[in-house]
Structures are given as C-alpha cells and as structure tokens.
Protein backbone atom coordinates (compact mmCIF):
# COMPACT_ATOMS: atom_id res chain seq x y z
CA UNK A 1 -51.18 -24.52 115.24
CA UNK A 2 -47.59 -24.62 115.59
CA UNK A 3 -45.76 -22.14 114.63
CA UNK A 4 -42.45 -22.80 112.66
CA UNK A 5 -39.95 -21.00 115.32
CA UNK A 6 -35.94 -22.10 114.32
CA UNK A 7 -34.70 -23.92 117.51
CA UNK A 8 -38.38 -25.40 117.88
CA UNK A 9 -39.06 -28.73 117.64
CA UNK A 10 -41.69 -28.21 114.88
CA UNK A 11 -39.08 -26.23 113.21
CA UNK A 12 -36.51 -29.09 113.40
CA UNK A 13 -39.25 -31.67 112.09
CA UNK A 14 -40.04 -28.91 109.02
CA UNK A 15 -37.13 -28.99 107.70
CA UNK A 16 -36.24 -32.88 108.53
CA UNK A 17 -39.24 -32.98 105.69
CA UNK A 18 -37.83 -30.37 103.45
CA UNK A 19 -34.56 -32.11 103.16
CA UNK A 20 -36.32 -35.43 103.39
CA UNK A 21 -38.04 -34.88 100.32
CA UNK A 22 -35.28 -33.58 98.55
CA UNK A 23 -33.45 -36.51 98.83
CA UNK A 24 -36.80 -38.65 97.96
CA UNK A 25 -36.70 -36.44 94.43
CA UNK A 26 -32.98 -37.01 93.97
CA UNK A 27 -33.52 -40.89 94.07
CA UNK A 28 -36.67 -41.08 91.84
CA UNK A 29 -34.77 -38.43 89.73
CA UNK A 30 -32.06 -40.78 89.14
CA UNK A 31 -33.96 -44.18 88.98
CA UNK A 32 -35.85 -42.71 85.98
CA UNK A 33 -32.71 -41.67 83.95
CA UNK A 34 -31.57 -45.29 83.98
CA UNK A 35 -34.89 -46.63 83.13
CA UNK A 36 -34.34 -49.63 85.29
CA UNK A 37 -36.74 -51.89 86.31
CA UNK A 38 -36.57 -52.79 89.70
CA UNK A 39 -38.58 -54.41 92.21
CA UNK A 40 -39.21 -52.80 95.40
CA UNK A 41 -42.25 -50.60 96.88
CA UNK A 42 -40.66 -47.28 95.19
CA UNK A 43 -39.41 -49.65 91.85
CA UNK A 44 -43.62 -50.32 91.31
CA UNK A 45 -44.50 -46.77 92.53
CA UNK A 46 -42.82 -45.14 89.96
CA UNK A 47 -43.80 -48.30 86.97
CA UNK A 48 -46.23 -47.25 83.96
CA UNK A 49 -49.50 -49.66 85.54
CA UNK A 50 -49.57 -46.85 89.00
CA UNK A 51 -49.42 -43.76 86.33
CA UNK A 52 -47.68 -41.69 89.22
CA UNK A 53 -45.81 -38.35 88.50
CA UNK A 54 -42.61 -37.34 90.45
CA UNK A 55 -44.75 -35.88 93.13
CA UNK A 56 -47.82 -38.78 93.52
CA UNK A 57 -44.59 -41.10 93.89
CA UNK A 58 -43.30 -39.14 96.45
CA UNK A 59 -46.40 -38.01 98.55
CA UNK A 60 -47.32 -41.75 97.84
CA UNK A 61 -43.95 -43.30 99.69
CA UNK A 62 -44.74 -40.23 102.54
CA UNK A 63 -48.31 -41.26 103.12
CA UNK A 64 -47.40 -45.06 103.08
CA UNK A 65 -44.10 -44.46 105.68
CA UNK A 66 -46.54 -42.23 108.08
CA UNK A 67 -49.69 -45.94 107.75
CA UNK A 68 -46.46 -48.04 108.53
CA UNK A 69 -45.62 -46.23 111.83
CA UNK A 70 -48.45 -46.11 112.98
CA UNK A 71 -49.81 -49.53 112.59
CA UNK A 72 -46.75 -51.42 111.52
CA UNK A 73 -47.91 -53.25 108.96
CA UNK A 74 -45.18 -52.57 106.27
CA UNK A 75 -45.59 -55.83 104.84
CA UNK A 76 -48.73 -55.77 103.97
CA UNK A 77 -48.07 -52.69 102.42
CA UNK A 78 -45.85 -54.72 100.50
CA UNK A 79 -47.64 -57.47 99.96
CA UNK A 80 -50.62 -55.24 98.56
CA UNK A 81 -48.19 -53.20 96.03
CA UNK A 82 -46.70 -56.79 94.70
CA UNK A 83 -49.97 -58.88 94.47
CA UNK A 84 -49.00 -61.14 97.52
C-alpha cells in the first residue's frame, strides 16, 4: 500500500488527481449554470437522459479517461455515447 509522503511520485499523483477533480468540477458547474446544450462527450454525460449528478459525471469522465489511456479506444467511447 503506497504511503502519501511529500516528495514521492505517489504524493505528486494524488495532488494532481485532486487538482484535476477541482478543474473538472469547475467546468461542470459553469456548464450547468449556462444551461446550454453541448454536443461533446462531457455534454452527453451531463444530459438529462444520462441522469447523473455532478459527482457522477466527474466519476464517469475519470473512469472513461482511464479506460482510454489503457486501451486507446477513445473513438469507441465517443461513438458509444453518441449512438454512432
């Protein structure tokens, strides 16, 4: 089990994860306030049909990002969400 000690790669990764979560939360919040219909992957997760909370949207984006980094099927994820 990794220990979160300052200066280690694990600590840097956890810090980056927290910062990315904050940035993603800001983006989701600003999009919700604008109430505009976005035609992208994040917009499809935020749509009423998806039925996700802001936290659910953030977790789905993170999960899809990890899957994309592992297998390189970003196009497949996009097509899956957009009926293509």
